[in-house]
Each structure stands twice: as C-alpha cells, then as structure tokens.
Amino acid sequence: MTVLQLYYARLVAVILDKLAAWAIMIGILEIIAAIGLRKEIENEWLLFLVGIGSVFFGVSLIIWPGAGALAILWVIGITPVKVY
C-alpha cells in the first residue's frame, strides 16, 4: 500500500467516526425532544422513532464501518438517479 492509500483510509475512518458521533448525538436530542414535547405536539412518537433510528445508525457505523461506508456510497450514488 502506498502512503496515499493509507492517508485516505484514515481520512474515511475519521469521517465515519464523526458521522457516527453526530448521528448518535442528534438521535439522543430527538428522543429528549420527543419526551419533552409529548404534550405540545401530536405524533411525537414519530420523532421518538426517528431518534431511535438515528442512534441505531450511529452505533451500526461504529460497529461495522465498512458496511456503513458502502451504504453511504449507495445513498449518495442513488440520489441523482432518484431525483431525475
């Protein structure tokens, strides 16, 4: 492996770790918001489910970073096909 390949592999790992941490933090905040807003809004359980999904996504990125990177690439790749 060349130095450039090692650099990009480390860069992808850092980006995935930051994305996983962001997803977990946002998920926790959505769960807290759903609990706090349960009397003010309707269907707060949807916000709660989205929070659980976000936390699950972040944890799965930490556990399986290779599969997570591949899934993110598929989402990025399918977006232009879906839009047009």
C-alpha atoms as a PDB file:
ATOM      1  CA  MET A   1       0.000   0.000   0.000  1.00  0.00           C
ATOM      2  CA  THR A   2       1.164   3.462  -0.742  1.00  0.00           C
ATOM      3  CA  VAL A   3       1.218   6.350   1.668  1.00  0.00           C
ATOM      4  CA  LEU A   4      -1.681   7.969  -0.184  1.00  0.00           C
ATOM      5  CA  GLN A   5      -3.864   4.891   0.262  1.00  0.00           C
ATOM      6  CA  LEU A   6      -3.135   4.809   3.969  1.00  0.00           C
ATOM      7  CA  TYR A   7      -3.926   8.524   4.236  1.00  0.00           C
ATOM      8  CA  TYR A   8      -7.298   8.174   2.501  1.00  0.00           C
ATOM      9  CA  ALA A   9      -8.222   5.096   4.528  1.00  0.00           C
ATOM     10  CA  ARG A  10      -7.553   7.028   7.717  1.00  0.00           C
ATOM     11  CA  LEU A  11      -9.487  10.024   6.380  1.00  0.00           C
ATOM     12  CA  VAL A  12     -12.520   7.864   5.615  1.00  0.00           C
ATOM     13  CA  ALA A  13     -12.324   6.320   9.087  1.00  0.00           C
ATOM     14  CA  VAL A  14     -12.237   9.754  10.717  1.00  0.00           C
ATOM     15  CA  ILE A  15     -15.194  10.963   8.640  1.00  0.00           C
ATOM     16  CA  LEU A  16     -17.204   7.850   9.523  1.00  0.00           C
ATOM     17  CA  ASP A  17     -16.427   8.274  13.224  1.00  0.00           C
ATOM     18  CA  LYS A  18     -17.572  11.900  13.125  1.00  0.00           C
ATOM     19  CA  LEU A  19     -20.726  10.928  11.223  1.00  0.00           C
ATOM     20  CA  ALA A  20     -21.469   8.186  13.749  1.00  0.00           C
ATOM     21  CA  ALA A  21     -20.983  10.554  16.702  1.00  0.00           C
ATOM     22  CA  TRP A  22     -23.202  13.163  15.021  1.00  0.00           C
ATOM     23  CA  ALA A  23     -25.953  10.612  14.362  1.00  0.00           C
ATOM     24  CA  ILE A  24     -25.875   9.383  17.958  1.00  0.00           C
ATOM     25  CA  MET A  25     -25.983  12.917  19.408  1.00  0.00           C
ATOM     26  CA  ILE A  26     -28.810  14.008  17.097  1.00  0.00           C
ATOM     27  CA  GLY A  27     -30.739  10.826  17.909  1.00  0.00           C
ATOM     28  CA  ILE A  28     -30.427  11.408  21.647  1.00  0.00           C
ATOM     29  CA  LEU A  29     -31.554  15.015  21.238  1.00  0.00           C
ATOM     30  CA  GLU A  30     -34.554  13.899  19.158  1.00  0.00           C
ATOM     31  CA  ILE A  31     -35.541  11.387  21.824  1.00  0.00           C
ATOM     32  CA  ILE A  32     -35.250  14.056  24.529  1.00  0.00           C
ATOM     33  CA  ALA A  33     -37.282  16.479  22.404  1.00  0.00           C
ATOM     34  CA  ALA A  34     -39.992  13.876  21.805  1.00  0.00           C
ATOM     35  CA  ILE A  35     -40.290  13.214  25.525  1.00  0.00           C
ATOM     36  CA  GLY A  36     -40.310  16.920  26.359  1.00  0.00           C
ATOM     37  CA  LEU A  37     -42.822  17.864  23.660  1.00  0.00           C
ATOM     38  CA  ARG A  38     -45.240  14.996  24.145  1.00  0.00           C
ATOM     39  CA  LYS A  39     -47.996  17.291  25.445  1.00  0.00           C
ATOM     40  CA  GLU A  40     -47.398  20.133  22.969  1.00  0.00           C
ATOM     41  CA  ILE A  41     -47.325  18.298  19.633  1.00  0.00           C
ATOM     42  CA  GLU A  42     -49.199  15.445  18.017  1.00  0.00           C
ATOM     43  CA  ASN A  43     -47.479  12.298  16.807  1.00  0.00           C
ATOM     44  CA  GLU A  44     -44.425  12.851  18.969  1.00  0.00           C
ATOM     45  CA  TRP A  45     -43.833   9.124  18.775  1.00  0.00           C
ATOM     46  CA  LEU A  46     -42.609   9.652  15.196  1.00  0.00           C
ATOM     47  CA  LEU A  47     -39.877  11.965  16.477  1.00  0.00           C
ATOM     48  CA  PHE A  48     -39.029   9.335  19.068  1.00  0.00           C
ATOM     49  CA  LEU A  49     -38.770   6.623  16.375  1.00  0.00           C
ATOM     50  CA  VAL A  50     -36.569   8.826  14.199  1.00  0.00           C
ATOM     51  CA  GLY A  51     -34.308   9.388  17.210  1.00  0.00           C
ATOM     52  CA  ILE A  52     -34.034   5.662  17.844  1.00  0.00           C
ATOM     53  CA  GLY A  53     -33.248   5.099  14.161  1.00  0.00           C
ATOM     54  CA  SER A  54     -30.551   7.754  14.229  1.00  0.00           C
ATOM     55  CA  VAL A  55     -28.921   6.241  17.316  1.00  0.00           C
ATOM     56  CA  PHE A  56     -29.099   2.789  15.703  1.00  0.00           C
ATOM     57  CA  PHE A  57     -27.480   4.162  12.533  1.00  0.00           C
ATOM     58  CA  GLY A  58     -24.648   5.770  14.517  1.00  0.00           C
ATOM     59  CA  VAL A  59     -23.973   2.648  16.566  1.00  0.00           C
ATOM     60  CA  SER A  60     -24.031   0.461  13.459  1.00  0.00           C
ATOM     61  CA  LEU A  61     -21.486   2.788  11.810  1.00  0.00           C
ATOM     62  CA  ILE A  62     -19.181   2.282  14.773  1.00  0.00           C
ATOM     63  CA  ILE A  63     -19.643  -1.493  14.814  1.00  0.00           C
ATOM     64  CA  TRP A  64     -19.484  -2.064  11.022  1.00  0.00           C
ATOM     65  CA  PRO A  65     -17.596   0.846   9.436  1.00  0.00           C
ATOM     66  CA  GLY A  66     -17.037  -0.925   6.105  1.00  0.00           C
ATOM     67  CA  ALA A  67     -20.703  -1.694   5.592  1.00  0.00           C
ATOM     68  CA  GLY A  68     -21.604   1.815   6.732  1.00  0.00           C
ATOM     69  CA  ALA A  69     -19.251   3.401   4.216  1.00  0.00           C
ATOM     70  CA  LEU A  70     -20.698   1.233   1.460  1.00  0.00           C
ATOM     71  CA  ALA A  71     -24.265   2.126   2.458  1.00  0.00           C
ATOM     72  CA  ILE A  72     -23.447   5.839   2.434  1.00  0.00           C
ATOM     73  CA  LEU A  73     -21.883   5.477  -1.017  1.00  0.00           C
ATOM     74  CA  TRP A  74     -25.021   3.750  -2.284  1.00  0.00           C
ATOM     75  CA  VAL A  75     -27.241   6.529  -0.907  1.00  0.00           C
ATOM     76  CA  ILE A  76     -25.044   9.200  -2.496  1.00  0.00           C
ATOM     77  CA  GLY A  77     -24.966   7.288  -5.774  1.00  0.00           C
ATOM     78  CA  ILE A  78     -28.703   6.611  -5.990  1.00  0.00           C
ATOM     79  CA  THR A  79     -29.711  10.199  -5.183  1.00  0.00           C
ATOM     80  CA  PRO A  80     -29.141  11.590  -8.720  1.00  0.00           C
ATOM     81  CA  VAL A  81     -30.989   8.626 -10.231  1.00  0.00           C
ATOM     82  CA  LYS A  82     -33.935   9.205  -7.904  1.00  0.00           C
ATOM     83  CA  VAL A  83     -34.054  12.959  -8.494  1.00  0.00           C
ATOM     84  CA  TYR A  84     -34.012  12.873 -12.301  1.00  0.00           C
END
